[in-house]
Amino acid sequence: MLMDTTDESLARAAAGGDRAAFAALLERHYDRLFRLAFRLTGSRAEAEDLTQDVCAALPAKLASFRGAAKVTTWLWRVMVNAAHDRRRRRTVHAKAAEGWGDWELNRRAGNDEAAARTDWLMAALGRLPDDLRDTLALILDDLTHAEAGEVLGISEGTVSWRVSEAKKRLKRMKEEEQA
């Protein structure tokens, strides 16, 4: 009996909450909606998702059906609008992700550079004389010159000289490696 009913009558009944009318309307037009979605997206999986999204939204959208156009014309417009919305969201998301991707690459590059500097420093510290290495290790561990002097049993001035000497030698090592 519903199969003999016009699309417009089914749409009005479905808008009023008639589930059987809604099911009959979908049964009539689902395949064509899917084909349109496929042509709009170029992907079977994307077309399936889009068609399902449109069908899920139809009960609420049917309330706005005025009957000024054929139901099929109205359905195609709903599908085209949904495809456009999806493309816009994807473009916005891609632009946002692109920026985050650049940020993440820069963050990783910064981490890699920091790790490389730390690795170099640890290797270079191993090439320093023990007294300079011990002093610099304490200073790098956030001790003051006075605290490092107390730990090592030397004056604060000697700690300052050792730090200065260690910096000079590390700088020279770096320059020799880059030459």
Protein backbone atom coordinates (compact mmCIF):
# COMPACT_ATOMS: atom_id res chain seq x y z
CA MET A 1 0.00 0.00 0.00
CA LEU A 2 2.85 2.46 0.79
CA MET A 3 4.51 1.58 -2.48
CA ASP A 4 1.59 3.17 -4.36
CA THR A 5 1.83 6.38 -2.31
CA THR A 6 3.53 9.42 -3.86
CA ASP A 7 6.92 10.56 -2.64
CA GLU A 8 5.40 13.81 -1.43
CA SER A 9 2.79 11.98 0.68
CA LEU A 10 5.47 9.70 2.11
CA ALA A 11 7.66 12.70 2.93
CA ARG A 12 4.83 14.49 4.75
CA ALA A 13 3.92 11.32 6.67
CA ALA A 14 7.57 10.67 7.55
CA ALA A 15 7.93 14.27 8.73
CA GLY A 16 4.99 13.59 11.03
CA GLY A 17 6.78 10.60 12.55
CA ASP A 18 5.41 7.74 10.40
CA ARG A 19 8.25 5.21 10.44
CA ALA A 20 6.74 3.03 7.76
CA ALA A 21 6.49 6.01 5.42
CA PHE A 22 10.12 6.93 6.16
CA ALA A 23 11.25 3.34 5.49
CA ALA A 24 9.31 3.27 2.21
CA LEU A 25 10.85 6.59 1.14
CA LEU A 26 14.35 5.32 1.89
CA GLU A 27 13.68 2.02 0.15
CA ARG A 28 12.69 3.93 -2.98
CA HIS A 29 15.60 6.32 -3.05
CA TYR A 30 18.51 4.87 -1.07
CA ASP A 31 20.31 3.36 -4.08
CA ARG A 32 20.05 6.58 -6.07
CA LEU A 33 21.24 8.61 -3.06
CA PHE A 34 24.20 6.27 -2.73
CA ARG A 35 25.06 6.57 -6.45
CA LEU A 36 24.95 10.37 -6.17
CA ALA A 37 27.14 10.25 -3.06
CA PHE A 38 29.59 8.01 -4.91
CA ARG A 39 29.78 10.45 -7.81
CA LEU A 40 30.26 13.35 -5.40
CA THR A 41 32.99 11.67 -3.33
CA GLY A 42 34.64 9.25 -5.75
CA SER A 43 35.03 6.70 -2.96
CA ARG A 44 32.76 3.81 -2.09
CA ALA A 45 33.57 3.98 1.62
CA GLU A 46 33.09 7.75 1.71
CA ALA A 47 29.82 7.42 -0.25
CA GLU A 48 28.54 4.82 2.21
CA ASP A 49 29.38 7.07 5.16
CA LEU A 50 27.84 10.12 3.52
CA THR A 51 24.64 8.29 2.54
CA GLN A 52 24.27 6.92 6.07
CA ASP A 53 24.82 10.39 7.54
CA VAL A 54 22.17 11.88 5.23
CA CYS A 55 19.68 9.11 6.01
CA ALA A 56 20.26 9.55 9.74
CA ALA A 57 19.62 13.30 9.43
CA LEU A 58 16.55 12.96 7.17
CA PRO A 59 13.88 12.55 9.89
CA ALA A 60 14.75 16.00 11.24
CA LYS A 61 15.28 17.52 7.79
CA LEU A 62 11.94 16.27 6.45
CA ALA A 63 10.19 18.85 8.62
CA SER A 64 11.67 21.52 6.34
CA PHE A 65 10.33 19.88 3.16
CA ARG A 66 7.81 22.39 1.75
CA GLY A 67 6.75 20.52 -1.36
CA ALA A 68 7.90 23.35 -3.64
CA ALA A 69 10.10 20.84 -5.51
CA LYS A 70 9.83 17.14 -6.09
CA VAL A 71 11.01 15.01 -3.17
CA THR A 72 13.82 13.62 -5.31
CA THR A 73 15.04 17.12 -6.18
CA TRP A 74 14.95 18.03 -2.49
CA LEU A 75 16.78 14.80 -1.52
CA TRP A 76 19.51 15.44 -4.09
CA ARG A 77 19.95 18.96 -2.71
CA VAL A 78 20.28 17.54 0.81
CA MET A 79 22.94 15.10 -0.45
CA VAL A 80 24.87 17.76 -2.37
CA ASN A 81 24.81 20.09 0.65
CA ALA A 82 26.02 17.29 2.90
CA ALA A 83 28.87 16.50 0.48
CA HIS A 84 29.85 20.18 0.35
CA ASP A 85 29.78 20.42 4.15
CA ARG A 86 31.95 17.33 4.45
CA ARG A 87 34.47 18.71 1.95
CA ARG A 88 34.60 22.04 3.81
CA ARG A 89 35.16 20.30 7.14
CA ARG A 90 37.86 18.13 5.61
CA THR A 91 39.60 21.19 4.12
CA VAL A 92 39.48 23.06 7.42
CA HIS A 93 40.70 19.99 9.27
CA ALA A 94 43.50 19.43 6.76
CA LYS A 95 44.65 23.05 7.09
CA ALA A 96 44.60 22.80 10.87
CA ALA A 97 46.36 19.45 10.80
CA GLU A 98 48.93 20.81 8.37
CA GLY A 99 49.84 23.55 10.82
CA TRP A 100 50.02 21.06 13.66
CA GLY A 101 52.06 18.73 11.50
CA ASP A 102 54.60 21.48 10.91
CA TRP A 103 54.61 22.31 14.59
CA GLU A 104 55.14 18.65 15.51
CA LEU A 105 57.97 18.27 12.98
CA ASN A 106 59.64 21.39 14.38
CA ARG A 107 59.16 20.13 17.93
CA ARG A 108 60.71 16.78 17.04
CA ALA A 109 63.56 18.44 15.19
CA GLY A 110 64.18 20.61 18.26
CA ASN A 111 64.15 17.52 20.48
CA ASP A 112 66.53 15.74 18.10
CA GLU A 113 68.86 18.74 18.10
CA ALA A 114 68.74 18.94 21.89
CA ALA A 115 69.45 15.22 22.18
CA ALA A 116 72.36 15.54 19.74
CA ARG A 117 73.79 18.47 21.74
CA THR A 118 73.41 16.51 24.98
CA ASP A 119 75.08 13.44 23.44
CA TRP A 120 77.94 15.59 22.16
CA LEU A 121 78.35 17.29 25.52
CA MET A 122 78.44 13.98 27.38
CA ALA A 123 81.09 12.62 25.01
CA ALA A 124 83.10 15.85 25.19
CA LEU A 125 82.93 15.88 29.00
CA GLY A 126 84.54 12.45 28.93
CA ARG A 127 87.53 13.94 27.08
CA LEU A 128 88.10 16.67 29.69
CA PRO A 129 90.57 16.20 32.53
CA ASP A 130 88.90 14.79 35.65
CA ASP A 131 89.09 18.04 37.67
CA LEU A 132 87.38 20.09 34.92
CA ARG A 133 84.79 17.39 34.22
CA ASP A 134 83.89 17.00 37.92
CA THR A 135 83.55 20.74 38.38
CA LEU A 136 81.45 21.25 35.26
CA ALA A 137 79.24 18.28 36.13
CA LEU A 138 78.36 19.88 39.46
CA ILE A 139 77.66 23.27 37.88
CA LEU A 140 75.48 21.61 35.19
CA ASP A 141 73.59 19.98 38.06
CA ASP A 142 72.60 23.51 39.20
CA LEU A 143 75.02 23.88 42.09
CA THR A 144 76.40 27.35 42.70
CA HIS A 145 80.13 27.91 42.42
CA ALA A 146 80.31 28.14 46.21
CA GLU A 147 78.44 24.83 46.64
CA ALA A 148 80.60 23.10 44.02
CA GLY A 149 83.73 24.43 45.76
CA GLU A 150 82.51 23.02 49.05
CA VAL A 151 81.83 19.58 47.50
CA LEU A 152 85.22 19.50 45.78
CA GLY A 153 87.16 21.08 48.68
CA ILE A 154 88.37 24.02 46.59
CA SER A 155 87.70 27.75 46.58
CA GLU A 156 84.85 29.38 44.73
CA GLY A 157 87.39 31.22 42.58
CA THR A 158 88.98 27.92 41.52
CA VAL A 159 85.55 26.59 40.56
CA SER A 160 84.99 29.70 38.42
CA TRP A 161 88.40 29.25 36.74
CA ARG A 162 87.70 25.53 36.06
CA VAL A 163 84.29 26.33 34.55
CA SER A 164 85.87 28.97 32.33
CA GLU A 165 88.65 26.59 31.30
CA ALA A 166 86.17 23.76 30.61
CA LYS A 167 84.07 26.09 28.41
CA LYS A 168 87.16 27.12 26.42
CA ARG A 169 88.17 23.51 25.85
CA LEU A 170 84.64 22.44 24.88
CA LYS A 171 84.44 25.34 22.43
CA ARG A 172 87.78 24.34 20.91
CA MET A 173 86.61 20.69 20.60
CA LYS A 174 83.49 21.84 18.80
CA GLU A 175 85.44 24.08 16.42
CA GLU A 176 87.89 21.27 15.62
CA GLU A 177 85.01 18.89 14.84
CA GLN A 178 83.38 21.42 12.54
CA ALA A 179 86.58 22.19 10.65
